């Protein structure tokens, strides 16, 4: 079951999208300093952050028309 997105301004959605992309990049950079097992976990989390940022991007595009 999918919940409807919260009611936020377009600027707030953009800030969330940008923060998720920043977090994804940070996780990627940190993955170089850890062992392979931990790296896999960081990459999974990075993928989740970027996927959510992409969903927000689509939400913004739909809202703009």
PDB file of N, CA and C in Angstrom:
ATOM      1  N   UNK A   1       0.850  -1.172   0.000  1.00  0.00           N
ATOM      2  CA  UNK A   1       0.000   0.000   0.000  1.00  0.00           C
ATOM      3  C   UNK A   1       0.899   1.239   0.000  1.00  0.00           C
ATOM      4  N   UNK A   2       0.583   2.170  -0.856  1.00  0.00           N
ATOM      5  CA  UNK A   2       1.366   3.392  -1.000  1.00  0.00           C
ATOM      6  C   UNK A   2       0.600   4.562  -0.391  1.00  0.00           C
ATOM      7  N   UNK A   3       1.292   5.306   0.453  1.00  0.00           N
ATOM      8  CA  UNK A   3       0.687   6.495   1.047  1.00  0.00           C
ATOM      9  C   UNK A   3       0.808   7.665   0.088  1.00  0.00           C
ATOM     10  N   UNK A   4      -0.144   8.582   0.127  1.00  0.00           N
ATOM     11  CA  UNK A   4      -0.014   9.771  -0.717  1.00  0.00           C
ATOM     12  C   UNK A   4       1.158  10.614  -0.232  1.00  0.00           C
ATOM     13  N   UNK A   5       1.790  11.341  -1.141  1.00  0.00           N
ATOM     14  CA  UNK A   5       2.920  12.181  -0.711  1.00  0.00           C
ATOM     15  C   UNK A   5       2.430  13.282   0.222  1.00  0.00           C
ATOM     16  N   UNK A   6       3.275  13.677   1.166  1.00  0.00           N
ATOM     17  CA  UNK A   6       2.872  14.773   2.057  1.00  0.00           C
ATOM     18  C   UNK A   6       2.702  16.065   1.265  1.00  0.00           C
ATOM     19  N   UNK A   7       1.916  16.949   1.816  1.00  0.00           N
ATOM     20  CA  UNK A   7       1.679  18.234   1.170  1.00  0.00           C
ATOM     21  C   UNK A   7       2.828  19.171   1.536  1.00  0.00           C
ATOM     22  N   UNK A   8       3.688  19.438   0.568  1.00  0.00           N
ATOM     23  CA  UNK A   8       4.830  20.322   0.741  1.00  0.00           C
ATOM     24  C   UNK A   8       4.894  21.275  -0.436  1.00  0.00           C
ATOM     25  N   UNK A   9       5.560  22.381  -0.245  1.00  0.00           N
ATOM     26  CA  UNK A   9       5.745  23.313  -1.359  1.00  0.00           C
ATOM     27  C   UNK A   9       6.755  22.719  -2.345  1.00  0.00           C
ATOM     28  N   UNK A  10       6.762  23.220  -3.555  1.00  0.00           N
ATOM     29  CA  UNK A  10       7.719  22.755  -4.561  1.00  0.00           C
ATOM     30  C   UNK A  10       9.154  22.978  -4.094  1.00  0.00           C
ATOM     31  N   UNK A  11       9.395  24.090  -3.417  1.00  0.00           N
ATOM     32  CA  UNK A  11      10.743  24.357  -2.896  1.00  0.00           C
ATOM     33  C   UNK A  11      11.162  23.312  -1.867  1.00  0.00           C
ATOM     34  N   UNK A  12      10.227  22.917  -1.007  1.00  0.00           N
ATOM     35  CA  UNK A  12      10.539  21.884  -0.015  1.00  0.00           C
ATOM     36  C   UNK A  12      10.854  20.546  -0.694  1.00  0.00           C
ATOM     37  N   UNK A  13      10.056  20.198  -1.716  1.00  0.00           N
ATOM     38  CA  UNK A  13      10.324  18.956  -2.456  1.00  0.00           C
ATOM     39  C   UNK A  13      11.698  19.012  -3.114  1.00  0.00           C
ATOM     40  N   UNK A  14      12.056  20.153  -3.666  1.00  0.00           N
ATOM     41  CA  UNK A  14      13.373  20.289  -4.304  1.00  0.00           C
ATOM     42  C   UNK A  14      14.499  20.160  -3.276  1.00  0.00           C
ATOM     43  N   UNK A  15      14.291  20.734  -2.099  1.00  0.00           N
ATOM     44  CA  UNK A  15      15.307  20.610  -1.038  1.00  0.00           C
ATOM     45  C   UNK A  15      15.469  19.156  -0.617  1.00  0.00           C
ATOM     46  N   UNK A  16      14.352  18.446  -0.473  1.00  0.00           N
ATOM     47  CA  UNK A  16      14.431  17.020  -0.133  1.00  0.00           C
ATOM     48  C   UNK A  16      15.147  16.228  -1.215  1.00  0.00           C
ATOM     49  N   UNK A  17      14.798  16.480  -2.461  1.00  0.00           N
ATOM     50  CA  UNK A  17      15.451  15.800  -3.586  1.00  0.00           C
ATOM     51  C   UNK A  17      16.949  16.053  -3.579  1.00  0.00           C
ATOM     52  N   UNK A  18      17.328  17.302  -3.419  1.00  0.00           N
ATOM     53  CA  UNK A  18      18.748  17.660  -3.420  1.00  0.00           C
ATOM     54  C   UNK A  18      19.479  17.052  -2.227  1.00  0.00           C
ATOM     55  N   UNK A  19      18.822  17.030  -1.061  1.00  0.00           N
ATOM     56  CA  UNK A  19      19.444  16.435   0.125  1.00  0.00           C
ATOM     57  C   UNK A  19      19.655  14.935  -0.064  1.00  0.00           C
ATOM     58  N   UNK A  20      18.695  14.258  -0.683  1.00  0.00           N
ATOM     59  CA  UNK A  20      18.847  12.821  -0.943  1.00  0.00           C
ATOM     60  C   UNK A  20      19.978  12.553  -1.928  1.00  0.00           C
ATOM     61  N   UNK A  21      20.101  13.378  -2.937  1.00  0.00           N
ATOM     62  CA  UNK A  21      21.204  13.215  -3.889  1.00  0.00           C
ATOM     63  C   UNK A  21      22.550  13.472  -3.212  1.00  0.00           C
ATOM     64  N   UNK A  22      22.600  14.482  -2.352  1.00  0.00           N
ATOM     65  CA  UNK A  22      23.825  14.766  -1.616  1.00  0.00           C
ATOM     66  C   UNK A  22      24.183  13.588  -0.718  1.00  0.00           C
ATOM     67  N   UNK A  23      23.169  13.057  -0.018  1.00  0.00           N
ATOM     68  CA  UNK A  23      23.403  11.905   0.861  1.00  0.00           C
ATOM     69  C   UNK A  23      23.892  10.702   0.055  1.00  0.00           C
ATOM     70  N   UNK A  24      23.321  10.476  -1.110  1.00  0.00           N
ATOM     71  CA  UNK A  24      23.765   9.383  -1.968  1.00  0.00           C
ATOM     72  C   UNK A  24      25.224   9.539  -2.368  1.00  0.00           C
ATOM     73  N   UNK A  25      25.619  10.742  -2.743  1.00  0.00           N
ATOM     74  CA  UNK A  25      27.033  10.996  -3.097  1.00  0.00           C
ATOM     75  C   UNK A  25      27.943  10.785  -1.887  1.00  0.00           C
ATOM     76  N   UNK A  26      27.496  11.239  -0.717  1.00  0.00           N
ATOM     77  CA  UNK A  26      28.293  11.071   0.491  1.00  0.00           C
ATOM     78  C   UNK A  26      28.481   9.586   0.821  1.00  0.00           C
ATOM     79  N   UNK A  27      27.424   8.812   0.705  1.00  0.00           N
ATOM     80  CA  UNK A  27      27.531   7.375   0.954  1.00  0.00           C
ATOM     81  C   UNK A  27      28.497   6.728  -0.028  1.00  0.00           C
ATOM     82  N   UNK A  28      28.450   7.154  -1.262  1.00  0.00           N
ATOM     83  CA  UNK A  28      29.361   6.604  -2.263  1.00  0.00           C
ATOM     84  C   UNK A  28      30.807   6.921  -1.897  1.00  0.00           C
ATOM     85  N   UNK A  29      31.076   8.159  -1.519  1.00  0.00           N
ATOM     86  CA  UNK A  29      32.440   8.547  -1.146  1.00  0.00           C
ATOM     87  C   UNK A  29      32.918   7.776   0.087  1.00  0.00           C
ATOM     88  N   UNK A  30      32.028   7.622   1.073  1.00  0.00           N
ATOM     89  CA  UNK A  30      32.412   6.900   2.287  1.00  0.00           C
ATOM     90  C   UNK A  30      32.647   5.423   2.025  1.00  0.00           C
ATOM     91  N   UNK A  31      32.059   4.883   0.973  1.00  0.00           N
ATOM     92  CA  UNK A  31      32.184   3.450   0.703  1.00  0.00           C
ATOM     93  C   UNK A  31      33.616   3.050   0.358  1.00  0.00           C
ATOM     94  N   UNK A  32      34.434   3.999  -0.049  1.00  0.00           N
ATOM     95  CA  UNK A  32      35.818   3.675  -0.387  1.00  0.00           C
ATOM     96  C   UNK A  32      36.681   3.404   0.844  1.00  0.00           C
ATOM     97  N   UNK A  33      36.218   3.815   2.016  1.00  0.00           N
ATOM     98  CA  UNK A  33      37.028   3.701   3.227  1.00  0.00           C
ATOM     99  C   UNK A  33      36.636   2.502   4.107  1.00  0.00           C
ATOM    100  N   UNK A  34      35.770   1.630   3.607  1.00  0.00           N
ATOM    101  CA  UNK A  34      35.295   0.515   4.431  1.00  0.00           C
ATOM    102  C   UNK A  34      35.532  -0.815   3.723  1.00  0.00           C
ATOM    103  N   UNK A  35      35.331  -1.902   4.469  1.00  0.00           N
ATOM    104  CA  UNK A  35      35.513  -3.225   3.875  1.00  0.00           C
ATOM    105  C   UNK A  35      34.363  -3.551   2.912  1.00  0.00           C
ATOM    106  N   UNK A  36      34.523  -4.614   2.166  1.00  0.00           N
ATOM    107  CA  UNK A  36      33.582  -4.957   1.091  1.00  0.00           C
ATOM    108  C   UNK A  36      32.160  -5.191   1.612  1.00  0.00           C
ATOM    109  N   UNK A  37      32.035  -5.829   2.775  1.00  0.00           N
ATOM    110  CA  UNK A  37      30.697  -6.105   3.319  1.00  0.00           C
ATOM    111  C   UNK A  37      29.974  -4.799   3.644  1.00  0.00           C
ATOM    112  N   UNK A  38      30.672  -3.901   4.292  1.00  0.00           N
ATOM    113  CA  UNK A  38      30.081  -2.606   4.641  1.00  0.00           C
ATOM    114  C   UNK A  38      29.813  -1.774   3.383  1.00  0.00           C
ATOM    115  N   UNK A  39      30.699  -1.890   2.407  1.00  0.00           N
ATOM    116  CA  UNK A  39      30.531  -1.162   1.144  1.00  0.00           C
ATOM    117  C   UNK A  39      29.212  -1.535   0.470  1.00  0.00           C
ATOM    118  N   UNK A  40      28.895  -2.819   0.471  1.00  0.00           N
ATOM    119  CA  UNK A  40      27.624  -3.268  -0.128  1.00  0.00           C
ATOM    120  C   UNK A  40      26.436  -2.608   0.562  1.00  0.00           C
ATOM    121  N   UNK A  41      26.482  -2.520   1.883  1.00  0.00           N
ATOM    122  CA  UNK A  41      25.394  -1.880   2.629  1.00  0.00           C
ATOM    123  C   UNK A  41      25.284  -0.395   2.298  1.00  0.00           C
ATOM    124  N   UNK A  42      26.423   0.270   2.205  1.00  0.00           N
ATOM    125  CA  UNK A  42      26.402   1.691   1.860  1.00  0.00           C
ATOM    126  C   UNK A  42      25.862   1.905   0.456  1.00  0.00           C
ATOM    127  N   UNK A  43      26.231   1.024  -0.473  1.00  0.00           N
ATOM    128  CA  UNK A  43      25.739   1.150  -1.844  1.00  0.00           C
ATOM    129  C   UNK A  43      24.232   0.901  -1.917  1.00  0.00           C
ATOM    130  N   UNK A  44      23.737  -0.043  -1.118  1.00  0.00           N
ATOM    131  CA  UNK A  44      22.288  -0.281  -1.087  1.00  0.00           C
ATOM    132  C   UNK A  44      21.564   0.972  -0.597  1.00  0.00           C
ATOM    133  N   UNK A  45      22.093   1.557   0.460  1.00  0.00           N
ATOM    134  CA  UNK A  45      21.482   2.779   0.986  1.00  0.00           C
ATOM    135  C   UNK A  45      21.592   3.926  -0.020  1.00  0.00           C
ATOM    136  N   UNK A  46      22.726   4.025  -0.702  1.00  0.00           N
ATOM    137  CA  UNK A  46      22.916   5.035  -1.736  1.00  0.00           C
ATOM    138  C   UNK A  46      21.851   4.857  -2.835  1.00  0.00           C
ATOM    139  N   UNK A  47      21.641   3.620  -3.262  1.00  0.00           N
ATOM    140  CA  UNK A  47      20.642   3.346  -4.292  1.00  0.00           C
ATOM    141  C   UNK A  47      19.246   3.753  -3.842  1.00  0.00           C
ATOM    142  N   UNK A  48      18.935   3.498  -2.562  1.00  0.00           N
ATOM    143  CA  UNK A  48      17.622   3.898  -2.035  1.00  0.00           C
ATOM    144  C   UNK A  48      17.465   5.417  -2.040  1.00  0.00           C
ATOM    145  N   UNK A  49      18.499   6.116  -1.621  1.00  0.00           N
ATOM    146  CA  UNK A  49      18.455   7.590  -1.618  1.00  0.00           C
ATOM    147  C   UNK A  49      18.231   8.128  -3.025  1.00  0.00           C
ATOM    148  N   UNK A  50      18.986   7.603  -3.976  1.00  0.00           N
ATOM    149  CA  UNK A  50      18.876   8.095  -5.353  1.00  0.00           C
ATOM    150  C   UNK A  50      17.534   7.718  -5.979  1.00  0.00           C
ATOM    151  N   UNK A  51      17.019   6.541  -5.647  1.00  0.00           N
ATOM    152  CA  UNK A  51      15.707   6.138  -6.167  1.00  0.00           C
ATOM    153  C   UNK A  51      14.611   7.051  -5.622  1.00  0.00           C
ATOM    154  N   UNK A  52      14.690   7.387  -4.346  1.00  0.00           N
ATOM    155  CA  UNK A  52      13.698   8.292  -3.773  1.00  0.00           C
ATOM    156  C   UNK A  52      13.827   9.694  -4.371  1.00  0.00           C
ATOM    157  N   UNK A  53      15.055  10.141  -4.604  1.00  0.00           N
ATOM    158  CA  UNK A  53      15.255  11.438  -5.262  1.00  0.00           C
ATOM    159  C   UNK A  53      14.630  11.431  -6.655  1.00  0.00           C
ATOM    160  N   UNK A  54      14.757  10.314  -7.370  1.00  0.00           N
ATOM    161  CA  UNK A  54      14.139  10.200  -8.694  1.00  0.00           C
ATOM    162  C   UNK A  54      12.616  10.233  -8.601  1.00  0.00           C
ATOM    163  N   UNK A  55      12.059   9.577  -7.579  1.00  0.00           N
ATOM    164  CA  UNK A  55      10.603   9.613  -7.397  1.00  0.00           C
ATOM    165  C   UNK A  55      10.131  11.040  -7.124  1.00  0.00           C
ATOM    166  N   UNK A  56      10.880  11.764  -6.312  1.00  0.00           N
ATOM    167  CA  UNK A  56      10.522  13.154  -6.032  1.00  0.00           C
ATOM    168  C   UNK A  56      10.620  13.984  -7.305  1.00  0.00           C
ATOM    169  N   UNK A  57      11.637  13.723  -8.124  1.00  0.00           N
ATOM    170  CA  UNK A  57      11.787  14.435  -9.402  1.00  0.00           C
ATOM    171  C   UNK A  57      10.565  14.217 -10.287  1.00  0.00           C
ATOM    172  N   UNK A  58      10.093  12.979 -10.350  1.00  0.00           N
ATOM    173  CA  UNK A  58       8.885  12.682 -11.152  1.00  0.00           C
ATOM    174  C   UNK A  58       7.660  13.372 -10.549  1.00  0.00           C
ATOM    175  N   UNK A  59       7.561  13.390  -9.233  1.00  0.00           N
ATOM    176  CA  UNK A  59       6.456  14.066  -8.560  1.00  0.00           C
ATOM    177  C   UNK A  59       6.464  15.558  -8.914  1.00  0.00           C
ATOM    178  N   UNK A  60       7.642  16.176  -8.897  1.00  0.00           N
ATOM    179  CA  UNK A  60       7.742  17.594  -9.245  1.00  0.00           C
ATOM    180  C   UNK A  60       7.346  17.830 -10.700  1.00  0.00           C
ATOM    181  N   UNK A  61       7.780  16.936 -11.590  1.00  0.00           N
ATOM    182  CA  UNK A  61       7.440  17.085 -13.011  1.00  0.00           C
ATOM    183  C   UNK A  61       5.927  16.963 -13.206  1.00  0.00           C
ATOM    184  N   UNK A  62       5.299  16.021 -12.509  1.00  0.00           N
ATOM    185  CA  UNK A  62       3.843  15.851 -12.609  1.00  0.00           C
ATOM    186  C   UNK A  62       3.110  17.073 -12.069  1.00  0.00           C
ATOM    187  N   UNK A  63       3.627  17.630 -10.970  1.00  0.00           N
ATOM    188  CA  UNK A  63       2.979  18.792 -10.336  1.00  0.00           C
ATOM    189  C   UNK A  63       3.104  20.029 -11.227  1.00  0.00           C
ATOM    190  N   UNK A  64       4.205  20.116 -11.983  1.00  0.00           N
ATOM    191  CA  UNK A  64       4.405  21.273 -12.860  1.00  0.00           C
ATOM    192  C   UNK A  64       3.584  21.188 -14.142  1.00  0.00           C
ATOM    193  N   UNK A  65       3.057  20.018 -14.383  1.00  0.00           N
ATOM    194  CA  UNK A  65       2.189  19.915 -15.551  1.00  0.00           C
ATOM    195  C   UNK A  65       2.736  19.019 -16.566  1.00  0.00           C
TER     196      UNK A  65
END
